[in-house]
């Protein structure tokens, strides 16, 4: 199983966040750096992948959390664990 740890403590902008995600997931160059593109690529993951998400308290990251929740519900190869207990279903 592939494991990816996302620590958004250094994330200071939406653009920086998307660049960070692209690097951590090795997204292709055509990654659109928006939430729809993120959802599309997360639902296309074909190998079992577990993602741990930490330090996502910034307001603009709340929508990213929702994208990860939706994608994990659509893709059986994607597991997501959030550092805040209440965000785990």
N, C-alpha and C. Protein backbone atom coordinates (compact mmCIF):
# COMPACT_ATOMS: atom_id res chain seq x y z
N UNK A 1 0.85 -1.17 0.00
CA UNK A 1 0.00 0.00 0.00
C UNK A 1 0.90 1.24 0.00
N UNK A 2 0.55 2.17 -0.84
CA UNK A 2 1.25 3.45 -0.89
C UNK A 2 0.73 4.33 0.24
N UNK A 3 1.64 5.05 0.92
CA UNK A 3 1.26 5.93 2.02
C UNK A 3 1.75 7.34 1.72
N UNK A 4 0.86 8.30 1.89
CA UNK A 4 1.20 9.70 1.66
C UNK A 4 0.77 10.51 2.88
N UNK A 5 1.71 11.26 3.43
CA UNK A 5 1.43 12.13 4.57
C UNK A 5 1.37 13.57 4.06
N UNK A 6 0.26 14.24 4.31
CA UNK A 6 0.10 15.64 3.93
C UNK A 6 0.09 16.49 5.19
N UNK A 7 1.06 17.37 5.31
CA UNK A 7 1.15 18.29 6.44
C UNK A 7 1.04 19.70 5.88
N UNK A 8 -0.11 20.31 6.10
CA UNK A 8 -0.37 21.63 5.53
C UNK A 8 0.09 22.78 6.43
N UNK A 9 0.93 22.51 7.42
CA UNK A 9 1.36 23.56 8.34
C UNK A 9 2.14 24.67 7.64
N UNK A 10 2.77 24.36 6.53
CA UNK A 10 3.54 25.38 5.79
C UNK A 10 2.77 25.95 4.61
N UNK A 11 1.56 25.51 4.41
CA UNK A 11 0.76 25.98 3.28
C UNK A 11 0.27 27.40 3.54
N UNK A 12 0.64 28.32 2.66
CA UNK A 12 0.29 29.72 2.86
C UNK A 12 -0.67 30.26 1.81
N UNK A 13 -0.94 29.49 0.77
CA UNK A 13 -1.84 29.96 -0.28
C UNK A 13 -2.46 28.77 -1.00
N UNK A 14 -3.54 29.03 -1.72
CA UNK A 14 -4.17 27.98 -2.52
C UNK A 14 -3.22 27.46 -3.58
N UNK A 15 -2.49 28.38 -4.23
CA UNK A 15 -1.55 27.99 -5.28
C UNK A 15 -0.45 27.09 -4.71
N UNK A 16 0.07 27.50 -3.55
CA UNK A 16 1.10 26.69 -2.91
C UNK A 16 0.59 25.33 -2.49
N UNK A 17 -0.65 25.28 -2.03
CA UNK A 17 -1.26 24.02 -1.63
C UNK A 17 -1.36 23.07 -2.83
N UNK A 18 -1.81 23.60 -3.97
CA UNK A 18 -1.93 22.74 -5.15
C UNK A 18 -0.57 22.26 -5.64
N UNK A 19 0.43 23.11 -5.55
CA UNK A 19 1.79 22.70 -5.93
C UNK A 19 2.27 21.59 -5.01
N UNK A 20 2.02 21.74 -3.72
CA UNK A 20 2.39 20.73 -2.72
C UNK A 20 1.69 19.40 -3.02
N UNK A 21 0.38 19.45 -3.30
CA UNK A 21 -0.35 18.22 -3.63
C UNK A 21 0.19 17.57 -4.89
N UNK A 22 0.48 18.37 -5.90
CA UNK A 22 1.01 17.83 -7.15
C UNK A 22 2.33 17.11 -6.91
N UNK A 23 3.17 17.67 -6.06
CA UNK A 23 4.46 17.04 -5.74
C UNK A 23 4.26 15.76 -4.94
N UNK A 24 3.44 15.81 -3.91
CA UNK A 24 3.25 14.65 -3.03
C UNK A 24 2.61 13.47 -3.77
N UNK A 25 1.70 13.76 -4.69
CA UNK A 25 1.01 12.69 -5.43
C UNK A 25 1.64 12.39 -6.78
N UNK A 26 2.66 13.14 -7.15
CA UNK A 26 3.28 12.99 -8.47
C UNK A 26 2.24 13.12 -9.57
N UNK A 27 1.39 14.16 -9.44
CA UNK A 27 0.37 14.40 -10.46
C UNK A 27 1.03 14.76 -11.79
N UNK A 28 0.37 14.44 -12.89
CA UNK A 28 0.92 14.78 -14.21
C UNK A 28 0.94 16.30 -14.44
N UNK A 29 1.71 16.71 -15.42
CA UNK A 29 1.84 18.14 -15.73
C UNK A 29 0.51 18.81 -16.02
N UNK A 30 -0.44 18.05 -16.56
CA UNK A 30 -1.72 18.65 -16.93
C UNK A 30 -2.65 18.90 -15.74
N UNK A 31 -2.19 18.60 -14.52
CA UNK A 31 -3.01 18.86 -13.33
C UNK A 31 -3.45 20.32 -13.32
N UNK A 32 -4.75 20.54 -13.25
CA UNK A 32 -5.33 21.87 -13.38
C UNK A 32 -5.22 22.76 -12.17
N UNK A 33 -4.67 22.26 -11.07
CA UNK A 33 -4.47 23.04 -9.85
C UNK A 33 -5.76 23.70 -9.37
N UNK A 34 -6.85 22.91 -9.35
CA UNK A 34 -8.11 23.37 -8.79
C UNK A 34 -8.80 22.17 -8.15
N UNK A 35 -9.87 22.40 -7.42
CA UNK A 35 -10.51 21.32 -6.67
C UNK A 35 -11.14 20.26 -7.57
N UNK A 36 -11.68 20.65 -8.71
CA UNK A 36 -12.25 19.66 -9.63
C UNK A 36 -11.17 18.74 -10.16
N UNK A 37 -10.03 19.31 -10.53
CA UNK A 37 -8.92 18.51 -11.04
C UNK A 37 -8.38 17.59 -9.94
N UNK A 38 -8.30 18.09 -8.71
CA UNK A 38 -7.86 17.27 -7.59
C UNK A 38 -8.79 16.08 -7.42
N UNK A 39 -10.08 16.33 -7.42
CA UNK A 39 -11.06 15.25 -7.27
C UNK A 39 -10.89 14.22 -8.39
N UNK A 40 -10.77 14.69 -9.61
CA UNK A 40 -10.62 13.77 -10.74
C UNK A 40 -9.41 12.87 -10.57
N UNK A 41 -8.26 13.44 -10.20
CA UNK A 41 -7.05 12.63 -10.07
C UNK A 41 -7.11 11.70 -8.85
N UNK A 42 -7.74 12.13 -7.77
CA UNK A 42 -7.88 11.25 -6.61
C UNK A 42 -8.77 10.06 -6.91
N UNK A 43 -9.80 10.27 -7.69
CA UNK A 43 -10.71 9.15 -8.02
C UNK A 43 -10.12 8.24 -9.08
N UNK A 44 -9.02 8.65 -9.70
CA UNK A 44 -8.35 7.80 -10.70
C UNK A 44 -7.20 6.99 -10.13
N UNK A 45 -6.92 7.11 -8.85
CA UNK A 45 -5.84 6.33 -8.24
C UNK A 45 -6.17 4.86 -8.36
N UNK A 46 -5.21 4.08 -8.88
CA UNK A 46 -5.47 2.66 -9.15
C UNK A 46 -4.78 1.71 -8.20
N UNK A 47 -3.85 2.20 -7.40
CA UNK A 47 -3.20 1.31 -6.42
C UNK A 47 -3.67 1.70 -5.02
N UNK A 48 -3.78 0.75 -4.11
CA UNK A 48 -4.20 1.09 -2.75
C UNK A 48 -3.31 2.18 -2.16
N UNK A 49 -3.94 3.25 -1.72
CA UNK A 49 -3.22 4.42 -1.22
C UNK A 49 -3.89 4.93 0.04
N UNK A 50 -3.09 5.14 1.08
CA UNK A 50 -3.58 5.70 2.34
C UNK A 50 -2.97 7.09 2.50
N UNK A 51 -3.82 8.07 2.77
CA UNK A 51 -3.38 9.45 2.92
C UNK A 51 -3.70 9.92 4.33
N UNK A 52 -2.70 10.44 5.01
CA UNK A 52 -2.89 11.06 6.32
C UNK A 52 -2.82 12.57 6.15
N UNK A 53 -3.81 13.28 6.65
CA UNK A 53 -3.88 14.73 6.45
C UNK A 53 -3.80 15.43 7.80
N UNK A 54 -2.83 16.35 7.92
CA UNK A 54 -2.55 17.04 9.18
C UNK A 54 -2.45 18.55 8.98
N UNK A 55 -2.77 19.29 10.03
CA UNK A 55 -2.61 20.76 10.06
C UNK A 55 -3.34 21.45 8.91
N UNK A 56 -4.63 21.22 8.85
CA UNK A 56 -5.45 21.79 7.78
C UNK A 56 -6.48 22.76 8.34
N UNK A 57 -6.05 23.58 9.27
CA UNK A 57 -6.96 24.51 9.94
C UNK A 57 -7.29 25.76 9.15
N UNK A 58 -6.54 26.06 8.12
CA UNK A 58 -6.81 27.28 7.35
C UNK A 58 -8.14 27.16 6.62
N UNK A 59 -8.81 28.28 6.49
CA UNK A 59 -10.16 28.30 5.93
C UNK A 59 -10.23 27.67 4.53
N UNK A 60 -9.28 28.00 3.66
CA UNK A 60 -9.34 27.49 2.29
C UNK A 60 -9.07 25.99 2.19
N UNK A 61 -8.58 25.39 3.27
CA UNK A 61 -8.33 23.95 3.24
C UNK A 61 -9.57 23.13 3.57
N UNK A 62 -10.61 23.77 4.10
CA UNK A 62 -11.84 23.04 4.43
C UNK A 62 -12.46 22.40 3.18
N UNK A 63 -12.40 23.08 2.05
CA UNK A 63 -12.94 22.51 0.82
C UNK A 63 -12.07 21.36 0.32
N UNK A 64 -10.78 21.41 0.61
CA UNK A 64 -9.88 20.31 0.23
C UNK A 64 -10.25 19.06 1.02
N UNK A 65 -10.57 19.23 2.29
CA UNK A 65 -11.00 18.11 3.13
C UNK A 65 -12.23 17.46 2.52
N UNK A 66 -13.18 18.27 2.09
CA UNK A 66 -14.40 17.73 1.47
C UNK A 66 -14.10 16.98 0.18
N UNK A 67 -13.15 17.48 -0.61
CA UNK A 67 -12.76 16.79 -1.84
C UNK A 67 -12.19 15.42 -1.51
N UNK A 68 -11.31 15.35 -0.51
CA UNK A 68 -10.74 14.06 -0.11
C UNK A 68 -11.82 13.11 0.40
N UNK A 69 -12.77 13.62 1.17
CA UNK A 69 -13.86 12.78 1.68
C UNK A 69 -14.69 12.22 0.52
N UNK A 70 -15.06 13.08 -0.43
CA UNK A 70 -15.84 12.63 -1.58
C UNK A 70 -15.06 11.61 -2.41
N UNK A 71 -13.79 11.89 -2.65
CA UNK A 71 -12.98 11.00 -3.49
C UNK A 71 -12.82 9.63 -2.84
N UNK A 72 -12.63 9.60 -1.53
CA UNK A 72 -12.46 8.29 -0.88
C UNK A 72 -13.76 7.48 -0.93
N UNK A 73 -14.89 8.16 -0.94
CA UNK A 73 -16.17 7.45 -1.06
C UNK A 73 -16.38 6.90 -2.46
N UNK A 74 -15.73 7.49 -3.45
CA UNK A 74 -15.88 7.05 -4.83
C UNK A 74 -14.79 6.08 -5.28
N UNK A 75 -13.65 6.06 -4.59
CA UNK A 75 -12.53 5.25 -5.04
C UNK A 75 -12.14 4.28 -3.94
N UNK A 76 -12.34 3.00 -4.19
CA UNK A 76 -12.04 1.98 -3.19
C UNK A 76 -10.54 1.84 -2.93
N UNK A 77 -9.71 2.39 -3.79
CA UNK A 77 -8.26 2.33 -3.61
C UNK A 77 -7.72 3.45 -2.73
N UNK A 78 -8.57 4.38 -2.34
CA UNK A 78 -8.14 5.53 -1.57
C UNK A 78 -8.69 5.48 -0.14
N UNK A 79 -7.78 5.54 0.83
CA UNK A 79 -8.14 5.65 2.24
C UNK A 79 -7.59 6.97 2.75
N UNK A 80 -8.36 7.65 3.58
CA UNK A 80 -7.93 8.95 4.10
C UNK A 80 -8.14 8.97 5.61
N UNK A 81 -7.11 9.43 6.32
CA UNK A 81 -7.19 9.58 7.77
C UNK A 81 -6.88 11.04 8.09
N UNK A 82 -7.79 11.67 8.81
CA UNK A 82 -7.63 13.07 9.19
C UNK A 82 -7.15 13.15 10.63
N UNK A 83 -6.33 14.17 10.92
CA UNK A 83 -5.81 14.31 12.29
C UNK A 83 -6.89 14.70 13.29
N UNK A 84 -7.96 15.34 12.82
CA UNK A 84 -9.08 15.67 13.71
C UNK A 84 -10.07 14.51 13.70
N UNK A 85 -10.32 13.97 14.85
CA UNK A 85 -11.18 12.79 14.95
C UNK A 85 -12.54 13.03 14.32
N UNK A 86 -13.10 14.22 14.51
CA UNK A 86 -14.44 14.49 14.00
C UNK A 86 -14.52 14.49 12.47
N UNK A 87 -13.40 14.62 11.78
CA UNK A 87 -13.41 14.61 10.32
C UNK A 87 -13.36 13.20 9.74
N UNK A 88 -13.09 12.22 10.56
CA UNK A 88 -13.07 10.83 10.11
C UNK A 88 -14.48 10.26 10.23
N UNK A 89 -14.88 9.56 9.23
CA UNK A 89 -16.23 8.97 9.22
C UNK A 89 -16.18 7.52 9.60
